[in-house]
C-alpha atoms as a PDB file:
ATOM      1  CA  MET A   1      25.858  18.697  15.819  1.00  0.00           C
ATOM      2  CA  MET A   2      22.668  18.464  17.866  1.00  0.00           C
ATOM      3  CA  LEU A   3      19.788  20.747  16.892  1.00  0.00           C
ATOM      4  CA  PRO A   4      16.697  21.354  19.051  1.00  0.00           C
ATOM      5  CA  TYR A   5      14.547  20.514  16.031  1.00  0.00           C
ATOM      6  CA  CYS A   6      14.615  18.194  13.022  1.00  0.00           C
ATOM      7  CA  LEU A   7      15.322  19.651   9.587  1.00  0.00           C
ATOM      8  CA  GLY A   8      15.417  17.946   6.235  1.00  0.00           C
ATOM      9  CA  CYS A   9      14.206  17.383   2.696  1.00  0.00           C
ATOM     10  CA  PRO A  10      11.756  14.964   1.035  1.00  0.00           C
ATOM     11  CA  SER A  11      14.489  12.408   0.311  1.00  0.00           C
ATOM     12  CA  TRP A  12      18.229  11.942   0.100  1.00  0.00           C
ATOM     13  CA  SER A  13      18.346  10.270  -3.311  1.00  0.00           C
ATOM     14  CA  GLU A  14      18.419  13.187  -5.759  1.00  0.00           C
ATOM     15  CA  ALA A  15      21.193  12.684  -8.306  1.00  0.00           C
ATOM     16  CA  ALA A  16      20.768  16.348  -9.284  1.00  0.00           C
ATOM     17  CA  TRP A  17      22.284  17.319  -5.913  1.00  0.00           C
ATOM     18  CA  ARG A  18      25.714  16.209  -7.154  1.00  0.00           C
ATOM     19  CA  GLY A  19      27.861  19.290  -7.321  1.00  0.00           C
ATOM     20  CA  SER A  20      25.927  21.059  -4.558  1.00  0.00           C
ATOM     21  CA  LEU A  21      25.007  18.830  -1.638  1.00  0.00           C
ATOM     22  CA  TYR A  22      27.092  15.907  -2.911  1.00  0.00           C
ATOM     23  CA  PRO A  23      30.468  15.943  -4.649  1.00  0.00           C
ATOM     24  CA  ASP A  24      30.466  15.346  -8.381  1.00  0.00           C
ATOM     25  CA  GLY A  25      30.671  11.668  -9.188  1.00  0.00           C
ATOM     26  CA  THR A  26      29.291  10.501  -5.822  1.00  0.00           C
ATOM     27  CA  PRO A  27      27.721   7.041  -6.180  1.00  0.00           C
ATOM     28  CA  ALA A  28      24.096   6.740  -5.129  1.00  0.00           C
ATOM     29  CA  SER A  29      25.087   4.335  -2.358  1.00  0.00           C
ATOM     30  CA  ASP A  30      26.848   7.230  -0.584  1.00  0.00           C
ATOM     31  CA  TYR A  31      24.019   9.769  -0.736  1.00  0.00           C
ATOM     32  CA  LEU A  32      22.437   8.911   2.603  1.00  0.00           C
ATOM     33  CA  ALA A  33      25.620   9.162   4.663  1.00  0.00           C
ATOM     34  CA  LEU A  34      26.534  12.470   3.001  1.00  0.00           C
ATOM     35  CA  TYR A  35      23.009  13.845   3.442  1.00  0.00           C
ATOM     36  CA  ALA A  36      23.103  12.939   7.151  1.00  0.00           C
ATOM     37  CA  ARG A  37      26.253  15.034   7.590  1.00  0.00           C
ATOM     38  CA  VAL A  38      24.184  18.176   6.878  1.00  0.00           C
ATOM     39  CA  PHE A  39      20.589  17.375   7.865  1.00  0.00           C
ATOM     40  CA  ASN A  40      19.269  15.390  10.812  1.00  0.00           C
ATOM     41  CA  ALA A  41      15.991  14.160   9.329  1.00  0.00           C
ATOM     42  CA  VAL A  42      14.336  13.088   6.093  1.00  0.00           C
ATOM     43  CA  GLU A  43      10.840  12.362   4.875  1.00  0.00           C
ATOM     44  CA  GLY A  44      10.260   8.691   4.147  1.00  0.00           C
ATOM     45  CA  ASN A  45       8.669   9.140   0.736  1.00  0.00           C
ATOM     46  CA  THR A  46      10.518   6.139  -0.593  1.00  0.00           C
ATOM     47  CA  THR A  47       8.564   3.758   1.649  1.00  0.00           C
ATOM     48  CA  PHE A  48       5.234   5.232   0.515  1.00  0.00           C
ATOM     49  CA  TYR A  49       5.729   3.948  -3.022  1.00  0.00           C
ATOM     50  CA  ALA A  50       7.622   0.709  -2.366  1.00  0.00           C
ATOM     51  CA  GLN A  51       8.745  -1.245   0.664  1.00  0.00           C
ATOM     52  CA  PRO A  52      12.532  -1.629   0.904  1.00  0.00           C
ATOM     53  CA  SER A  53      14.193  -4.995   1.095  1.00  0.00           C
ATOM     54  CA  ALA A  54      15.609  -6.204   4.402  1.00  0.00           C
ATOM     55  CA  ALA A  55      19.123  -5.780   2.949  1.00  0.00           C
ATOM     56  CA  THR A  56      18.353  -2.137   2.058  1.00  0.00           C
ATOM     57  CA  VAL A  57      17.131  -1.443   5.576  1.00  0.00           C
ATOM     58  CA  GLN A  58      20.365  -2.880   6.945  1.00  0.00           C
ATOM     59  CA  ARG A  59      22.385  -0.569   4.679  1.00  0.00           C
ATOM     60  CA  TRP A  60      20.334   2.396   5.890  1.00  0.00           C
ATOM     61  CA  ALA A  61      21.016   1.377   9.478  1.00  0.00           C
ATOM     62  CA  GLN A  62      24.750   1.417   8.777  1.00  0.00           C
ATOM     63  CA  ARG A  63      24.624   4.931   7.303  1.00  0.00           C
ATOM     64  CA  MET A  64      22.149   6.731   9.589  1.00  0.00           C
ATOM     65  CA  PRO A  65      23.685   8.338  12.690  1.00  0.00           C
ATOM     66  CA  ALA A  66      21.961   7.569  15.983  1.00  0.00           C
ATOM     67  CA  HIS A  67      20.473  11.089  16.196  1.00  0.00           C
ATOM     68  CA  PHE A  68      19.052  10.951  12.650  1.00  0.00           C
ATOM     69  CA  ARG A  69      15.269  10.750  12.201  1.00  0.00           C
ATOM     70  CA  PHE A  70      13.574   8.970   9.294  1.00  0.00           C
ATOM     71  CA  CYS A  71       9.830   9.703   9.050  1.00  0.00           C
ATOM     72  CA  ALA A  72       8.837   6.533   7.234  1.00  0.00           C
ATOM     73  CA  LYS A  73       5.504   6.786   5.464  1.00  0.00           C
ATOM     74  CA  LEU A  74       3.260   3.779   5.718  1.00  0.00           C
ATOM     75  CA  PRO A  75       3.007   2.299   2.191  1.00  0.00           C
ATOM     76  CA  TRP A  76       0.204   3.625   0.015  1.00  0.00           C
ATOM     77  CA  ASP A  77      -1.490   0.219  -0.191  1.00  0.00           C
ATOM     78  CA  ILE A  78      -1.995   0.524   3.581  1.00  0.00           C
ATOM     79  CA  SER A  79      -2.888   4.218   3.857  1.00  0.00           C
ATOM     80  CA  HIS A  80      -5.058   4.254   0.722  1.00  0.00           C
ATOM     81  CA  SER A  81      -6.846   0.964   1.358  1.00  0.00           C
ATOM     82  CA  ALA A  82     -10.615   0.627   1.586  1.00  0.00           C
ATOM     83  CA  ASP A  83     -10.447  -0.169   5.318  1.00  0.00           C
ATOM     84  CA  LEU A  84      -7.447   0.549   7.549  1.00  0.00           C
ATOM     85  CA  ARG A  85      -8.577  -2.137   9.984  1.00  0.00           C
ATOM     86  CA  GLN A  86      -7.865  -4.752   7.358  1.00  0.00           C
ATOM     87  CA  GLN A  87      -4.271  -3.501   7.094  1.00  0.00           C
ATOM     88  CA  ILE A  88      -3.197  -4.012  10.707  1.00  0.00           C
ATOM     89  CA  SER A  89      -1.181  -7.165   9.969  1.00  0.00           C
ATOM     90  CA  ALA A  90       0.468  -5.526   6.949  1.00  0.00           C
ATOM     91  CA  THR A  91       1.273  -2.491   9.078  1.00  0.00           C
ATOM     92  CA  GLN A  92       2.857  -4.620  11.794  1.00  0.00           C
ATOM     93  CA  ALA A  93       4.956  -6.382   9.164  1.00  0.00           C
ATOM     94  CA  PHE A  94       6.127  -3.036   7.791  1.00  0.00           C
ATOM     95  CA  VAL A  95       7.080  -1.800  11.260  1.00  0.00           C
ATOM     96  CA  ALA A  96       8.992  -5.049  11.848  1.00  0.00           C
ATOM     97  CA  LEU A  97      10.817  -4.605   8.528  1.00  0.00           C
ATOM     98  CA  LEU A  98      12.178  -1.233   9.700  1.00  0.00           C
ATOM     99  CA  ALA A  99      13.047  -2.491  13.197  1.00  0.00           C
ATOM    100  CA  PRO A 100      16.836  -2.449  12.494  1.00  0.00           C
ATOM    101  CA  LEU A 101      16.612   1.366  12.351  1.00  0.00           C
ATOM    102  CA  GLY A 102      15.435   1.458  15.965  1.00  0.00           C
ATOM    103  CA  GLU A 103      14.413   4.865  17.298  1.00  0.00           C
ATOM    104  CA  ARG A 104      15.656   6.577  14.157  1.00  0.00           C
ATOM    105  CA  VAL A 105      12.216   5.810  12.678  1.00  0.00           C
ATOM    106  CA  THR A 106      10.118   8.273  14.620  1.00  0.00           C
ATOM    107  CA  PRO A 107       7.470   9.192  13.970  1.00  0.00           C
ATOM    108  CA  PHE A 108       5.956   7.003  11.303  1.00  0.00           C
ATOM    109  CA  TRP A 109       3.676   8.922   8.929  1.00  0.00           C
ATOM    110  CA  LEU A 110       0.175   7.956   7.817  1.00  0.00           C
ATOM    111  CA  GLN A 111      -0.722  10.057   4.769  1.00  0.00           C
ATOM    112  CA  LEU A 112      -4.444   9.624   4.155  1.00  0.00           C
ATOM    113  CA  PRO A 113      -6.077  10.352   0.780  1.00  0.00           C
ATOM    114  CA  ALA A 114      -8.543  13.178   0.156  1.00  0.00           C
ATOM    115  CA  SER A 115     -11.327  10.582   0.056  1.00  0.00           C
ATOM    116  CA  PHE A 116     -10.733   9.711   3.723  1.00  0.00           C
ATOM    117  CA  GLY A 117     -13.387  11.810   5.410  1.00  0.00           C
ATOM    118  CA  PRO A 118     -15.163  12.201   8.756  1.00  0.00           C
ATOM    119  CA  ALA A 119     -17.302   9.096   8.251  1.00  0.00           C
ATOM    120  CA  ARG A 120     -14.122   6.997   8.612  1.00  0.00           C
ATOM    121  CA  LEU A 121     -12.919   8.437  11.915  1.00  0.00           C
ATOM    122  CA  GLY A 122     -14.097   5.331  13.780  1.00  0.00           C
ATOM    123  CA  GLU A 123     -12.034   3.207  11.432  1.00  0.00           C
ATOM    124  CA  LEU A 124      -9.026   5.446  12.066  1.00  0.00           C
ATOM    125  CA  ALA A 125      -9.555   5.152  15.830  1.00  0.00           C
ATOM    126  CA  ASP A 126      -9.531   1.359  15.614  1.00  0.00           C
ATOM    127  CA  PHE A 127      -6.366   1.428  13.531  1.00  0.00           C
ATOM    128  CA  LEU A 128      -4.599   3.813  15.901  1.00  0.00           C
ATOM    129  CA  ALA A 129      -5.487   1.624  18.865  1.00  0.00           C
ATOM    130  CA  CYS A 130      -3.355  -1.123  17.292  1.00  0.00           C
ATOM    131  CA  PHE A 131      -0.408   1.092  16.334  1.00  0.00           C
ATOM    132  CA  GLU A 132       2.174   1.143  19.105  1.00  0.00           C
ATOM    133  CA  LYS A 133       4.837   3.427  17.617  1.00  0.00           C
ATOM    134  CA  PRO A 134       5.014   7.241  17.450  1.00  0.00           C
ATOM    135  CA  LEU A 135       2.848   8.406  14.572  1.00  0.00           C
ATOM    136  CA  ALA A 136       1.847  11.556  12.675  1.00  0.00           C
ATOM    137  CA  VAL A 137      -1.251  11.657  10.475  1.00  0.00           C
ATOM    138  CA  GLU A 138      -1.786  13.833   7.405  1.00  0.00           C
ATOM    139  CA  VAL A 139      -5.380  14.370   6.263  1.00  0.00           C
ATOM    140  CA  ARG A 140      -6.569  15.954   3.024  1.00  0.00           C
ATOM    141  CA  HIS A 141     -10.373  15.792   3.140  1.00  0.00           C
ATOM    142  CA  PRO A 142     -11.813  19.354   3.014  1.00  0.00           C
ATOM    143  CA  ALA A 143     -14.103  18.715   6.001  1.00  0.00           C
ATOM    144  CA  PHE A 144     -11.051  18.488   8.257  1.00  0.00           C
ATOM    145  CA  PHE A 145     -10.131  22.108   7.391  1.00  0.00           C
ATOM    146  CA  GLN A 146     -13.424  23.895   8.060  1.00  0.00           C
ATOM    147  CA  ARG A 147     -13.003  24.480  11.814  1.00  0.00           C
ATOM    148  CA  GLY A 148     -16.233  22.585  12.404  1.00  0.00           C
ATOM    149  CA  GLU A 149     -17.124  19.580  14.502  1.00  0.00           C
ATOM    150  CA  GLU A 150     -15.505  17.174  12.018  1.00  0.00           C
ATOM    151  CA  GLU A 151     -12.136  18.898  12.433  1.00  0.00           C
ATOM    152  CA  ARG A 152     -12.520  19.104  16.201  1.00  0.00           C
ATOM    153  CA  ALA A 153     -13.345  15.389  16.327  1.00  0.00           C
ATOM    154  CA  LEU A 154     -10.209  14.562  14.347  1.00  0.00           C
ATOM    155  CA  ASN A 155      -8.029  16.727  16.573  1.00  0.00           C
ATOM    156  CA  ARG A 156      -9.491  15.208  19.741  1.00  0.00           C
ATOM    157  CA  LEU A 157      -8.892  11.704  18.446  1.00  0.00           C
ATOM    158  CA  LEU A 158      -5.246  12.431  17.631  1.00  0.00           C
ATOM    159  CA  ARG A 159      -4.512  14.495  20.740  1.00  0.00           C
ATOM    160  CA  ASP A 160      -6.017  11.932  23.102  1.00  0.00           C
ATOM    161  CA  ARG A 161      -3.705   9.284  21.641  1.00  0.00           C
ATOM    162  CA  GLY A 162      -0.582  11.466  21.566  1.00  0.00           C
ATOM    163  CA  ILE A 163      -0.539  11.430  17.766  1.00  0.00           C
ATOM    164  CA  GLU A 164       0.508  14.480  15.779  1.00  0.00           C
ATOM    165  CA  ARG A 165      -1.483  16.071  12.968  1.00  0.00           C
ATOM    166  CA  LEU A 166       0.967  16.753  10.175  1.00  0.00           C
ATOM    167  CA  CYS A 167       0.750  20.257   8.687  1.00  0.00           C
ATOM    168  CA  LEU A 168       1.303  20.775   4.962  1.00  0.00           C
ATOM    169  CA  ASP A 169       1.788  24.364   3.762  1.00  0.00           C
ATOM    170  CA  SER A 170       1.603  24.688  -0.028  1.00  0.00           C
ATOM    171  CA  ARG A 171       0.874  28.425  -0.220  1.00  0.00           C
ATOM    172  CA  ALA A 172       4.279  29.338  -1.636  1.00  0.00           C
ATOM    173  CA  LEU A 173       3.949  26.718  -4.368  1.00  0.00           C
ATOM    174  CA  PHE A 174       0.522  27.962  -5.437  1.00  0.00           C
ATOM    175  CA  SER A 175       1.698  31.571  -5.415  1.00  0.00           C
ATOM    176  CA  CYS A 176       3.940  30.641  -8.348  1.00  0.00           C
ATOM    177  CA  HIS A 177       2.628  31.394 -11.855  1.00  0.00           C
ATOM    178  CA  ASP A 178       5.563  29.963 -13.790  1.00  0.00           C
ATOM    179  CA  ASP A 179       4.300  27.735 -16.582  1.00  0.00           C
ATOM    180  CA  THR A 180       7.070  25.181 -16.277  1.00  0.00           C
ATOM    181  CA  PRO A 181       6.581  21.399 -16.243  1.00  0.00           C
ATOM    182  CA  ALA A 182       7.982  21.085 -12.703  1.00  0.00           C
ATOM    183  CA  VAL A 183       5.623  23.719 -11.303  1.00  0.00           C
ATOM    184  CA  ARG A 184       2.608  22.386 -13.192  1.00  0.00           C
ATOM    185  CA  HIS A 185       3.345  18.863 -11.973  1.00  0.00           C
ATOM    186  CA  ALA A 186       3.801  19.951  -8.361  1.00  0.00           C
ATOM    187  CA  GLN A 187       0.653  22.065  -8.374  1.00  0.00           C
ATOM    188  CA  ALA A 188      -1.347  19.174  -9.848  1.00  0.00           C
ATOM    189  CA  LYS A 189       0.000  16.719  -7.282  1.00  0.00           C
ATOM    190  CA  LYS A 190       0.057  18.685  -4.032  1.00  0.00           C
ATOM    191  CA  PRO A 191      -3.137  19.603  -2.165  1.00  0.00           C
ATOM    192  CA  ARG A 192      -4.201  23.210  -1.809  1.00  0.00           C
ATOM    193  CA  LEU A 193      -5.683  23.343   1.673  1.00  0.00           C
ATOM    194  CA  PRO A 194      -5.778  25.790   4.599  1.00  0.00           C
ATOM    195  CA  VAL A 195      -2.734  25.722   6.867  1.00  0.00           C
ATOM    196  CA  ARG A 196      -3.216  24.070  10.235  1.00  0.00           C
ATOM    197  CA  PRO A 197      -0.111  24.611  12.429  1.00  0.00           C
ATOM    198  CA  ALA A 198      -1.128  21.913  14.886  1.00  0.00           C
ATOM    199  CA  ALA A 199       0.897  20.913  17.901  1.00  0.00           C
ATOM    200  CA  LEU A 200      -1.029  18.010  19.393  1.00  0.00           C
ATOM    201  CA  SER A 201       2.126  16.450  20.817  1.00  0.00           C
ATOM    202  CA  ALA A 202       5.670  17.537  21.699  1.00  0.00           C
ATOM    203  CA  PHE A 203       6.765  16.787  18.115  1.00  0.00           C
ATOM    204  CA  PRO A 204       4.899  19.089  15.669  1.00  0.00           C
ATOM    205  CA  GLN A 205       5.369  18.149  12.014  1.00  0.00           C
ATOM    206  CA  VAL A 206       5.572  20.674   9.135  1.00  0.00           C
ATOM    207  CA  ARG A 207       5.919  20.109   5.394  1.00  0.00           C
ATOM    208  CA  PHE A 208       6.611  23.348   3.490  1.00  0.00           C
ATOM    209  CA  ILE A 209       6.126  23.132  -0.297  1.00  0.00           C
ATOM    210  CA  GLY A 210       8.061  26.036  -1.707  1.00  0.00           C
ATOM    211  CA  HIS A 211       8.338  28.375  -4.678  1.00  0.00           C
ATOM    212  CA  PRO A 212      11.118  27.623  -7.220  1.00  0.00           C
ATOM    213  CA  VAL A 213      12.631  31.081  -6.587  1.00  0.00           C
ATOM    214  CA  LEU A 214      14.191  30.800  -3.140  1.00  0.00           C
ATOM    215  CA  ALA A 215      13.664  34.408  -2.093  1.00  0.00           C
ATOM    216  CA  ALA A 216       9.969  34.211  -2.994  1.00  0.00           C
ATOM    217  CA  ASN A 217       9.504  31.781  -0.100  1.00  0.00           C
ATOM    218  CA  ASP A 218      10.582  34.251   2.564  1.00  0.00           C
ATOM    219  CA  PRO A 219       7.159  35.841   3.230  1.00  0.00           C
ATOM    220  CA  PHE A 220       5.613  32.375   3.588  1.00  0.00           C
ATOM    221  CA  MET A 221       8.428  31.042   5.766  1.00  0.00           C
ATOM    222  CA  ALA A 222       8.485  34.043   8.113  1.00  0.00           C
ATOM    223  CA  PRO A 223       5.460  32.912  10.185  1.00  0.00           C
ATOM    224  CA  TRP A 224       6.978  29.453  10.411  1.00  0.00           C
ATOM    225  CA  VAL A 225      10.266  30.880  11.672  1.00  0.00           C
ATOM    226  CA  ASP A 226       8.360  32.471  14.548  1.00  0.00           C
ATOM    227  CA  LYS A 227       6.207  29.378  15.129  1.00  0.00           C
ATOM    228  CA  ILE A 228       9.123  26.925  15.136  1.00  0.00           C
ATOM    229  CA  ALA A 229      11.136  29.230  17.399  1.00  0.00           C
ATOM    230  CA  ALA A 230       8.222  29.463  19.829  1.00  0.00           C
ATOM    231  CA  TRP A 231       7.773  25.694  19.870  1.00  0.00           C
ATOM    232  CA  ILE A 232      11.486  25.208  20.574  1.00  0.00           C
ATOM    233  CA  GLU A 233      11.341  27.786  23.364  1.00  0.00           C
ATOM    234  CA  GLU A 234       8.420  25.878  24.873  1.00  0.00           C
ATOM    235  CA  GLY A 235      10.580  22.750  24.993  1.00  0.00           C
ATOM    236  CA  TRP A 236       9.014  20.964  22.048  1.00  0.00           C
ATOM    237  CA  HIS A 237      10.978  19.301  19.235  1.00  0.00           C
ATOM    238  CA  PRO A 238       9.485  20.272  15.854  1.00  0.00           C
ATOM    239  CA  TYR A 239      10.165  18.570  12.523  1.00  0.00           C
ATOM    240  CA  VAL A 240      10.437  20.783   9.419  1.00  0.00           C
ATOM    241  CA  PHE A 241      10.795  19.528   5.847  1.00  0.00           C
ATOM    242  CA  LEU A 242      11.335  21.812   2.856  1.00  0.00           C
ATOM    243  CA  HIS A 243      10.328  21.058  -0.756  1.00  0.00           C
ATOM    244  CA  THR A 244      10.639  22.891  -4.049  1.00  0.00           C
ATOM    245  CA  PRO A 245       8.640  21.918  -7.166  1.00  0.00           C
ATOM    246  CA  ASP A 246      11.273  19.552  -8.574  1.00  0.00           C
ATOM    247  CA  ASN A 247      13.223  19.450  -5.268  1.00  0.00           C
ATOM    248  CA  LEU A 248      16.429  20.509  -7.017  1.00  0.00           C
ATOM    249  CA  LEU A 249      16.752  23.412  -4.576  1.00  0.00           C
ATOM    250  CA  ALA A 250      15.234  21.711  -1.531  1.00  0.00           C
ATOM    251  CA  PRO A 251      18.582  21.554   0.349  1.00  0.00           C
ATOM    252  CA  GLU A 252      19.207  25.240  -0.320  1.00  0.00           C
ATOM    253  CA  LEU A 253      15.701  26.120   0.877  1.00  0.00           C
ATOM    254  CA  ALA A 254      16.201  24.058   4.034  1.00  0.00           C
ATOM    255  CA  ARG A 255      19.475  25.850   4.743  1.00  0.00           C
ATOM    256  CA  ARG A 256      17.775  29.200   4.066  1.00  0.00           C
ATOM    257  CA  PHE A 257      15.068  28.359   6.590  1.00  0.00           C
ATOM    258  CA  HIS A 258      17.668  27.442   9.200  1.00  0.00           C
ATOM    259  CA  GLU A 259      19.563  30.677   8.703  1.00  0.00           C
ATOM    260  CA  GLN A 260      16.364  32.662   9.162  1.00  0.00           C
ATOM    261  CA  LEU A 261      15.569  30.650  12.286  1.00  0.00           C
ATOM    262  CA  ARG A 262      19.020  31.524  13.641  1.00  0.00           C
ATOM    263  CA  THR A 263      18.084  35.220  13.483  1.00  0.00           C
ATOM    264  CA  ARG A 264      15.191  34.400  15.813  1.00  0.00           C
ATOM    265  CA  LEU A 265      17.214  31.963  17.966  1.00  0.00           C
ATOM    266  CA  PRO A 266      20.833  33.228  17.800  1.00  0.00           C
ATOM    267  CA  GLY A 267      22.120  30.317  19.868  1.00  0.00           C
ATOM    268  CA  LEU A 268      21.357  27.798  17.129  1.00  0.00           C
ATOM    269  CA  PRO A 269      24.498  26.330  15.546  1.00  0.00           C
ATOM    270  CA  LEU A 270      25.309  26.719  11.891  1.00  0.00           C
ATOM    271  CA  LEU A 271      24.477  23.784   9.677  1.00  0.00           C
ATOM    272  CA  PRO A 272      27.584  21.916   8.542  1.00  0.00           C
ATOM    273  CA  ASP A 273      28.773  22.781   5.061  1.00  0.00           C
ATOM    274  CA  PRO A 274      28.071  20.157   2.400  1.00  0.00           C
ATOM    275  CA  PRO A 275      30.994  17.802   1.732  1.00  0.00           C
ATOM    276  CA  ALA A 276      33.642  19.456  -0.433  1.00  0.00           C
ATOM    277  CA  VAL A 277      32.687  19.431  -4.093  1.00  0.00           C
ATOM    278  CA  GLY A 278      35.242  17.524  -6.127  1.00  0.00           C
ATOM    279  CA  SER A 279      35.860  14.705  -3.661  1.00  0.00           C
ATOM    280  CA  SER A 280      33.906  11.486  -4.078  1.00  0.00           C
ATOM    281  CA  GLN A 281      35.630   9.689  -1.209  1.00  0.00           C
ATOM    282  CA  LEU A 282      33.363   8.944   1.726  1.00  0.00           C
ATOM    283  CA  ASP A 283      34.625   8.345   5.245  1.00  0.00           C
ATOM    284  CA  LEU A 284      31.820   6.737   7.230  1.00  0.00           C
ATOM    285  CA  LEU A 285      33.777   6.729  10.493  1.00  0.00           C
END
């Protein structure tokens, strides 16, 4: 199945998805191949917290279809360092580590901390000049969301280099008033910033952080359904990733988004059904 956009979740490694996305009893080593039967992309959160071993990368390469896209985050000790220019060698080593995945790693993601503000744009420009792979950048400093010269300078820098500005939409999450540990944790961890549906390249990037009640996300997803449809109609190839507070329902939310997008673009194919619950046998061929 070939979609005109990329759709996925924050990861593939949720054991709680056994019985829904994965058959009961599925070993963790089979999650990726089963996930890739339904979705064609995934966020690379795992590489943000720890770099994989070379052997792990080889296993990923064996399980990822050629059309699959893995948005590998640059490790936090690179993105959250005091000076990005001092991390160029470490960045090149990380890119080389993931080389066995080939074009399936596209784009890389650079998630900058809230402390990374306009005064560091020159540093970012120097870093980007040395990065030779497709890249999307997520910023969290409030100055980049005020529609002032600082935000315009950031957008010019990224657009002139063909680099996408990643959009995070957490409105649905913060509309939730449930006093549950998962919601409290997500609301404490995720930024609450204005939405910037940027399309500075042909590959717009969207992270949607959802409400734990699936239907409560519909009013917040509706503008994205129209936006993603319009981007596809313009010939662009958007990436859309769906979260829920504990991500237990992230696959269901992603499928819900796709079904709503199909009402706007009736020619879109159905997503494949998850592998049959009750079978733990995996055919990789």
